[in-house]
Amino acid sequence: MKLRTMKTGQTGKIHAITVQGSLGLRLCEMGLVPGTSIKMEGRDPVKIRLHGQVLTLRNNEADHIEMNVQEEEQ
């Protein structure tokens, strides 16, 4: 699932960054690397919580981040 399609409040781990070059490097420098746990805080723009901080991404940046989303507990 792409990061941008996650629902507000959903959590998961980054599976892959699907872009290379300067944008891929920029995402990695912001701490968005495979295995990082995140929580979706809001959409449009995409707001995520990671490492205790909120990070805002452009929609086109979030489209390059593939997620493994945790199943919601009933």
PDB file of N, CA and C in Angstrom:
ATOM      1  N   MET A   1       0.852  -1.169   0.000  1.00  0.00           N
ATOM      2  CA  MET A   1       0.000   0.000   0.000  1.00  0.00           C
ATOM      3  C   MET A   1       0.898   1.232   0.000  1.00  0.00           C
ATOM      4  N   LYS A   2       0.488   2.240  -0.762  1.00  0.00           N
ATOM      5  CA  LYS A   2       1.241   3.491  -0.770  1.00  0.00           C
ATOM      6  C   LYS A   2       0.906   4.310   0.470  1.00  0.00           C
ATOM      7  N   LEU A   3       1.885   5.024   0.963  1.00  0.00           N
ATOM      8  CA  LEU A   3       1.711   5.831   2.160  1.00  0.00           C
ATOM      9  C   LEU A   3       0.510   6.759   2.045  1.00  0.00           C
ATOM     10  N   ARG A   4       0.333   7.373   0.902  1.00  0.00           N
ATOM     11  CA  ARG A   4      -0.745   8.351   0.731  1.00  0.00           C
ATOM     12  C   ARG A   4      -2.133   7.742   0.861  1.00  0.00           C
ATOM     13  N   THR A   5      -2.272   6.436   0.664  1.00  0.00           N
ATOM     14  CA  THR A   5      -3.589   5.799   0.738  1.00  0.00           C
ATOM     15  C   THR A   5      -3.941   5.304   2.140  1.00  0.00           C
ATOM     16  N   MET A   6      -3.021   5.459   3.085  1.00  0.00           N
ATOM     17  CA  MET A   6      -3.314   5.048   4.454  1.00  0.00           C
ATOM     18  C   MET A   6      -4.376   5.956   5.060  1.00  0.00           C
ATOM     19  N   LYS A   7      -5.130   5.408   6.013  1.00  0.00           N
ATOM     20  CA  LYS A   7      -6.159   6.182   6.708  1.00  0.00           C
ATOM     21  C   LYS A   7      -5.533   6.900   7.903  1.00  0.00           C
ATOM     22  N   THR A   8      -6.126   8.020   8.275  1.00  0.00           N
ATOM     23  CA  THR A   8      -5.674   8.740   9.455  1.00  0.00           C
ATOM     24  C   THR A   8      -5.775   7.830  10.674  1.00  0.00           C
ATOM     25  N   GLY A   9      -4.700   7.775  11.467  1.00  0.00           N
ATOM     26  CA  GLY A   9      -4.642   6.932  12.648  1.00  0.00           C
ATOM     27  C   GLY A   9      -4.025   5.571  12.407  1.00  0.00           C
ATOM     28  N   GLN A  10      -3.884   5.171  11.145  1.00  0.00           N
ATOM     29  CA  GLN A  10      -3.305   3.870  10.819  1.00  0.00           C
ATOM     30  C   GLN A  10      -1.796   3.901  11.051  1.00  0.00           C
ATOM     31  N   THR A  11      -1.242   2.745  11.428  1.00  0.00           N
ATOM     32  CA  THR A  11       0.194   2.630  11.630  1.00  0.00           C
ATOM     33  C   THR A  11       0.765   1.550  10.727  1.00  0.00           C
ATOM     34  N   GLY A  12       2.052   1.642  10.501  1.00  0.00           N
ATOM     35  CA  GLY A  12       2.711   0.650   9.680  1.00  0.00           C
ATOM     36  C   GLY A  12       4.199   0.887   9.625  1.00  0.00           C
ATOM     37  N   LYS A  13       4.869   0.045   8.842  1.00  0.00           N
ATOM     38  CA  LYS A  13       6.315   0.172   8.650  1.00  0.00           C
ATOM     39  C   LYS A  13       6.589   0.389   7.172  1.00  0.00           C
ATOM     40  N   ILE A  14       7.600   1.195   6.913  1.00  0.00           N
ATOM     41  CA  ILE A  14       8.006   1.436   5.532  1.00  0.00           C
ATOM     42  C   ILE A  14       8.589   0.151   4.967  1.00  0.00           C
ATOM     43  N   HIS A  15       8.061  -0.263   3.822  1.00  0.00           N
ATOM     44  CA  HIS A  15       8.542  -1.463   3.132  1.00  0.00           C
ATOM     45  C   HIS A  15       9.636  -1.098   2.130  1.00  0.00           C
ATOM     46  N   ALA A  16       9.395  -0.035   1.345  1.00  0.00           N
ATOM     47  CA  ALA A  16      10.359   0.345   0.310  1.00  0.00           C
ATOM     48  C   ALA A  16      10.155   1.796  -0.101  1.00  0.00           C
ATOM     49  N   ILE A  17      11.232   2.395  -0.560  1.00  0.00           N
ATOM     50  CA  ILE A  17      11.194   3.707  -1.212  1.00  0.00           C
ATOM     51  C   ILE A  17      11.394   3.416  -2.689  1.00  0.00           C
ATOM     52  N   THR A  18      10.421   3.807  -3.519  1.00  0.00           N
ATOM     53  CA  THR A  18      10.424   3.396  -4.933  1.00  0.00           C
ATOM     54  C   THR A  18      10.953   4.466  -5.874  1.00  0.00           C
ATOM     55  N   VAL A  19      11.713   5.400  -5.356  1.00  0.00           N
ATOM     56  CA  VAL A  19      12.311   6.435  -6.196  1.00  0.00           C
ATOM     57  C   VAL A  19      13.785   6.544  -5.822  1.00  0.00           C
ATOM     58  N   GLN A  20      14.591   6.857  -6.812  1.00  0.00           N
ATOM     59  CA  GLN A  20      16.023   7.029  -6.576  1.00  0.00           C
ATOM     60  C   GLN A  20      16.399   8.464  -6.894  1.00  0.00           C
ATOM     61  N   GLY A  21      17.651   8.724  -6.995  1.00  0.00           N
ATOM     62  CA  GLY A  21      18.113  10.065  -7.322  1.00  0.00           C
ATOM     63  C   GLY A  21      17.959  11.015  -6.143  1.00  0.00           C
ATOM     64  N   SER A  22      17.831  12.294  -6.450  1.00  0.00           N
ATOM     65  CA  SER A  22      17.811  13.302  -5.394  1.00  0.00           C
ATOM     66  C   SER A  22      16.583  13.175  -4.489  1.00  0.00           C
ATOM     67  N   LEU A  23      15.419  12.811  -5.041  1.00  0.00           N
ATOM     68  CA  LEU A  23      14.231  12.660  -4.206  1.00  0.00           C
ATOM     69  C   LEU A  23      14.373  11.461  -3.272  1.00  0.00           C
ATOM     70  N   GLY A  24      14.875  10.352  -3.766  1.00  0.00           N
ATOM     71  CA  GLY A  24      15.106   9.184  -2.917  1.00  0.00           C
ATOM     72  C   GLY A  24      16.079   9.493  -1.792  1.00  0.00           C
ATOM     73  N   LEU A  25      17.142  10.217  -2.110  1.00  0.00           N
ATOM     74  CA  LEU A  25      18.127  10.611  -1.111  1.00  0.00           C
ATOM     75  C   LEU A  25      17.491  11.537  -0.076  1.00  0.00           C
ATOM     76  N   ARG A  26      16.685  12.471  -0.534  1.00  0.00           N
ATOM     77  CA  ARG A  26      16.020  13.419   0.370  1.00  0.00           C
ATOM     78  C   ARG A  26      15.096  12.692   1.341  1.00  0.00           C
ATOM     79  N   LEU A  27      14.321  11.731   0.839  1.00  0.00           N
ATOM     80  CA  LEU A  27      13.433  10.962   1.710  1.00  0.00           C
ATOM     81  C   LEU A  27      14.231  10.191   2.764  1.00  0.00           C
ATOM     82  N   CYS A  28      15.332   9.587   2.348  1.00  0.00           N
ATOM     83  CA  CYS A  28      16.183   8.853   3.291  1.00  0.00           C
ATOM     84  C   CYS A  28      16.782   9.790   4.338  1.00  0.00           C
ATOM     85  N   GLU A  29      17.185  10.975   3.930  1.00  0.00           N
ATOM     86  CA  GLU A  29      17.746  11.945   4.872  1.00  0.00           C
ATOM     87  C   GLU A  29      16.719  12.421   5.889  1.00  0.00           C
ATOM     88  N   MET A  30      15.428  12.356   5.529  1.00  0.00           N
ATOM     89  CA  MET A  30      14.366  12.732   6.461  1.00  0.00           C
ATOM     90  C   MET A  30      14.019  11.585   7.412  1.00  0.00           C
ATOM     91  N   GLY A  31      14.697  10.445   7.272  1.00  0.00           N
ATOM     92  CA  GLY A  31      14.448   9.308   8.150  1.00  0.00           C
ATOM     93  C   GLY A  31      13.462   8.306   7.598  1.00  0.00           C
ATOM     94  N   LEU A  32      13.063   8.470   6.352  1.00  0.00           N
ATOM     95  CA  LEU A  32      12.099   7.566   5.722  1.00  0.00           C
ATOM     96  C   LEU A  32      12.860   6.440   5.025  1.00  0.00           C
ATOM     97  N   VAL A  33      13.175   5.420   5.818  1.00  0.00           N
ATOM     98  CA  VAL A  33      13.929   4.272   5.316  1.00  0.00           C
ATOM     99  C   VAL A  33      13.158   2.994   5.649  1.00  0.00           C
ATOM    100  N   PRO A  34      13.359   1.924   4.876  1.00  0.00           N
ATOM    101  CA  PRO A  34      12.661   0.674   5.157  1.00  0.00           C
ATOM    102  C   PRO A  34      12.845   0.228   6.613  1.00  0.00           C
ATOM    103  N   GLY A  35      11.729  -0.217   7.205  1.00  0.00           N
ATOM    104  CA  GLY A  35      11.735  -0.671   8.583  1.00  0.00           C
ATOM    105  C   GLY A  35      11.291   0.382   9.586  1.00  0.00           C
ATOM    106  N   THR A  36      11.186   1.639   9.151  1.00  0.00           N
ATOM    107  CA  THR A  36      10.773   2.715  10.048  1.00  0.00           C
ATOM    108  C   THR A  36       9.271   2.650  10.293  1.00  0.00           C
ATOM    109  N   SER A  37       8.875   2.703  11.558  1.00  0.00           N
ATOM    110  CA  SER A  37       7.457   2.716  11.929  1.00  0.00           C
ATOM    111  C   SER A  37       6.913   4.132  11.841  1.00  0.00           C
ATOM    112  N   ILE A  38       5.716   4.259  11.286  1.00  0.00           N
ATOM    113  CA  ILE A  38       5.077   5.562  11.177  1.00  0.00           C
ATOM    114  C   ILE A  38       3.606   5.448  11.564  1.00  0.00           C
ATOM    115  N   LYS A  39       3.015   6.596  11.863  1.00  0.00           N
ATOM    116  CA  LYS A  39       1.584   6.695  12.101  1.00  0.00           C
ATOM    117  C   LYS A  39       1.051   7.827  11.238  1.00  0.00           C
ATOM    118  N   MET A  40      -0.023   7.572  10.509  1.00  0.00           N
ATOM    119  CA  MET A  40      -0.632   8.598   9.671  1.00  0.00           C
ATOM    120  C   MET A  40      -1.387   9.572  10.575  1.00  0.00           C
ATOM    121  N   GLU A  41      -1.013  10.827  10.528  1.00  0.00           N
ATOM    122  CA  GLU A  41      -1.626  11.860  11.355  1.00  0.00           C
ATOM    123  C   GLU A  41      -2.681  12.661  10.580  1.00  0.00           C
ATOM    124  N   GLY A  42      -2.520  12.768   9.279  1.00  0.00           N
ATOM    125  CA  GLY A  42      -3.468  13.543   8.479  1.00  0.00           C
ATOM    126  C   GLY A  42      -3.150  13.417   7.005  1.00  0.00           C
ATOM    127  N   ARG A  43      -4.089  13.876   6.180  1.00  0.00           N
ATOM    128  CA  ARG A  43      -3.927  13.762   4.731  1.00  0.00           C
ATOM    129  C   ARG A  43      -4.193  15.101   4.070  1.00  0.00           C
ATOM    130  N   ASP A  44      -3.524  15.288   2.960  1.00  0.00           N
ATOM    131  CA  ASP A  44      -3.689  16.459   2.090  1.00  0.00           C
ATOM    132  C   ASP A  44      -3.368  17.766   2.788  1.00  0.00           C
ATOM    133  N   PRO A  45      -2.105  18.049   3.075  1.00  0.00           N
ATOM    134  CA  PRO A  45      -0.929  17.231   2.749  1.00  0.00           C
ATOM    135  C   PRO A  45      -0.780  16.067   3.725  1.00  0.00           C
ATOM    136  N   VAL A  46       0.084  15.141   3.364  1.00  0.00           N
ATOM    137  CA  VAL A  46       0.310  13.954   4.179  1.00  0.00           C
ATOM    138  C   VAL A  46       1.126  14.345   5.411  1.00  0.00           C
ATOM    139  N   LYS A  47       0.585  14.027   6.586  1.00  0.00           N
ATOM    140  CA  LYS A  47       1.292  14.272   7.846  1.00  0.00           C
ATOM    141  C   LYS A  47       1.477  12.937   8.537  1.00  0.00           C
ATOM    142  N   ILE A  48       2.736  12.624   8.859  1.00  0.00           N
ATOM    143  CA  ILE A  48       3.036  11.365   9.531  1.00  0.00           C
ATOM    144  C   ILE A  48       3.847  11.636  10.789  1.00  0.00           C
ATOM    145  N   ARG A  49       3.739  10.724  11.733  1.00  0.00           N
ATOM    146  CA  ARG A  49       4.538  10.796  12.953  1.00  0.00           C
ATOM    147  C   ARG A  49       5.576   9.688  12.893  1.00  0.00           C
ATOM    148  N   LEU A  50       6.842  10.062  13.053  1.00  0.00           N
ATOM    149  CA  LEU A  50       7.923   9.096  13.136  1.00  0.00           C
ATOM    150  C   LEU A  50       8.984   9.636  14.068  1.00  0.00           C
ATOM    151  N   HIS A  51       9.562   8.763  14.835  1.00  0.00           N
ATOM    152  CA  HIS A  51      10.608   9.146  15.799  1.00  0.00           C
ATOM    153  C   HIS A  51      10.162  10.290  16.702  1.00  0.00           C
ATOM    154  N   GLY A  52       8.864  10.336  17.057  1.00  0.00           N
ATOM    155  CA  GLY A  52       8.360  11.346  17.974  1.00  0.00           C
ATOM    156  C   GLY A  52       8.118  12.711  17.366  1.00  0.00           C
ATOM    157  N   GLN A  53       8.254  12.849  16.066  1.00  0.00           N
ATOM    158  CA  GLN A  53       8.051  14.128  15.397  1.00  0.00           C
ATOM    159  C   GLN A  53       7.039  13.979  14.275  1.00  0.00           C
ATOM    160  N   VAL A  54       6.382  15.092  13.930  1.00  0.00           N
ATOM    161  CA  VAL A  54       5.442  15.093  12.807  1.00  0.00           C
ATOM    162  C   VAL A  54       6.168  15.626  11.582  1.00  0.00           C
ATOM    163  N   LEU A  55       6.027  14.908  10.484  1.00  0.00           N
ATOM    164  CA  LEU A  55       6.656  15.268   9.223  1.00  0.00           C
ATOM    165  C   LEU A  55       5.568  15.445   8.175  1.00  0.00           C
ATOM    166  N   THR A  56       5.632  16.512   7.406  1.00  0.00           N
ATOM    167  CA  THR A  56       4.662  16.762   6.340  1.00  0.00           C
ATOM    168  C   THR A  56       5.328  16.501   4.996  1.00  0.00           C
ATOM    169  N   LEU A  57       4.631  15.760   4.140  1.00  0.00           N
ATOM    170  CA  LEU A  57       5.138  15.415   2.812  1.00  0.00           C
ATOM    171  C   LEU A  57       4.183  15.888   1.735  1.00  0.00           C
ATOM    172  N   ARG A  58       4.727  16.179   0.574  1.00  0.00           N
ATOM    173  CA  ARG A  58       3.887  16.444  -0.598  1.00  0.00           C
ATOM    174  C   ARG A  58       3.279  15.112  -1.034  1.00  0.00           C
ATOM    175  N   ASN A  59       2.108  15.181  -1.672  1.00  0.00           N
ATOM    176  CA  ASN A  59       1.448  13.961  -2.139  1.00  0.00           C
ATOM    177  C   ASN A  59       2.335  13.169  -3.081  1.00  0.00           C
ATOM    178  N   ASN A  60       3.038  13.856  -3.988  1.00  0.00           N
ATOM    179  CA  ASN A  60       3.878  13.129  -4.944  1.00  0.00           C
ATOM    180  C   ASN A  60       5.065  12.459  -4.251  1.00  0.00           C
ATOM    181  N   GLU A  61       5.523  12.987  -3.119  1.00  0.00           N
ATOM    182  CA  GLU A  61       6.585  12.330  -2.359  1.00  0.00           C
ATOM    183  C   GLU A  61       6.043  11.078  -1.679  1.00  0.00           C
ATOM    184  N   ALA A  62       4.855  11.193  -1.091  1.00  0.00           N
ATOM    185  CA  ALA A  62       4.240  10.063  -0.386  1.00  0.00           C
ATOM    186  C   ALA A  62       3.919   8.908  -1.336  1.00  0.00           C
ATOM    187  N   ASP A  63       3.702   9.203  -2.607  1.00  0.00           N
ATOM    188  CA  ASP A  63       3.404   8.150  -3.585  1.00  0.00           C
ATOM    189  C   ASP A  63       4.580   7.209  -3.827  1.00  0.00           C
ATOM    190  N   HIS A  64       5.781   7.608  -3.424  1.00  0.00           N
ATOM    191  CA  HIS A  64       6.974   6.782  -3.630  1.00  0.00           C
ATOM    192  C   HIS A  64       7.338   5.951  -2.404  1.00  0.00           C
ATOM    193  N   ILE A  65       6.451   5.926  -1.404  1.00  0.00           N
ATOM    194  CA  ILE A  65       6.731   5.187  -0.174  1.00  0.00           C
ATOM    195  C   ILE A  65       5.722   4.045  -0.046  1.00  0.00           C
ATOM    196  N   GLU A  66       6.226   2.810  -0.116  1.00  0.00           N
ATOM    197  CA  GLU A  66       5.402   1.612   0.013  1.00  0.00           C
ATOM    198  C   GLU A  66       5.397   1.185   1.471  1.00  0.00           C
ATOM    199  N   MET A  67       4.210   0.838   1.977  1.00  0.00           N
ATOM    200  CA  MET A  67       4.023   0.545   3.387  1.00  0.00           C
ATOM    201  C   MET A  67       3.527  -0.881   3.625  1.00  0.00           C
ATOM    202  N   ASN A  68       3.886  -1.434   4.770  1.00  0.00           N
ATOM    203  CA  ASN A  68       3.259  -2.627   5.331  1.00  0.00           C
ATOM    204  C   ASN A  68       2.415  -2.100   6.479  1.00  0.00           C
ATOM    205  N   VAL A  69       1.107  -2.118   6.316  1.00  0.00           N
ATOM    206  CA  VAL A  69       0.197  -1.534   7.294  1.00  0.00           C
ATOM    207  C   VAL A  69      -0.203  -2.584   8.320  1.00  0.00           C
ATOM    208  N   GLN A  70      -0.206  -2.176   9.586  1.00  0.00           N
ATOM    209  CA  GLN A  70      -0.633  -3.079  10.648  1.00  0.00           C
ATOM    210  C   GLN A  70      -2.149  -3.198  10.618  1.00  0.00           C
ATOM    211  N   GLU A  71      -2.615  -4.418  10.836  1.00  0.00           N
ATOM    212  CA  GLU A  71      -4.060  -4.664  10.896  1.00  0.00           C
ATOM    213  C   GLU A  71      -4.621  -4.021  12.148  1.00  0.00           C
ATOM    214  N   GLU A  72      -5.784  -3.420  12.011  1.00  0.00           N
ATOM    215  CA  GLU A  72      -6.434  -2.799  13.155  1.00  0.00           C
ATOM    216  C   GLU A  72      -6.990  -3.883  14.068  1.00  0.00           C
ATOM    217  N   GLU A  73      -6.793  -3.693  15.383  1.00  0.00           N
ATOM    218  CA  GLU A  73      -7.306  -4.662  16.341  1.00  0.00           C
ATOM    219  C   GLU A  73      -8.785  -4.412  16.566  1.00  0.00           C
ATOM    220  N   GLN A  74      -9.545  -5.487  16.723  1.00  0.00           N
ATOM    221  CA  GLN A  74     -10.989  -5.397  16.904  1.00  0.00           C
ATOM    222  C   GLN A  74     -11.318  -5.212  18.354  1.00  0.00           C
TER     223      GLN A  74
END
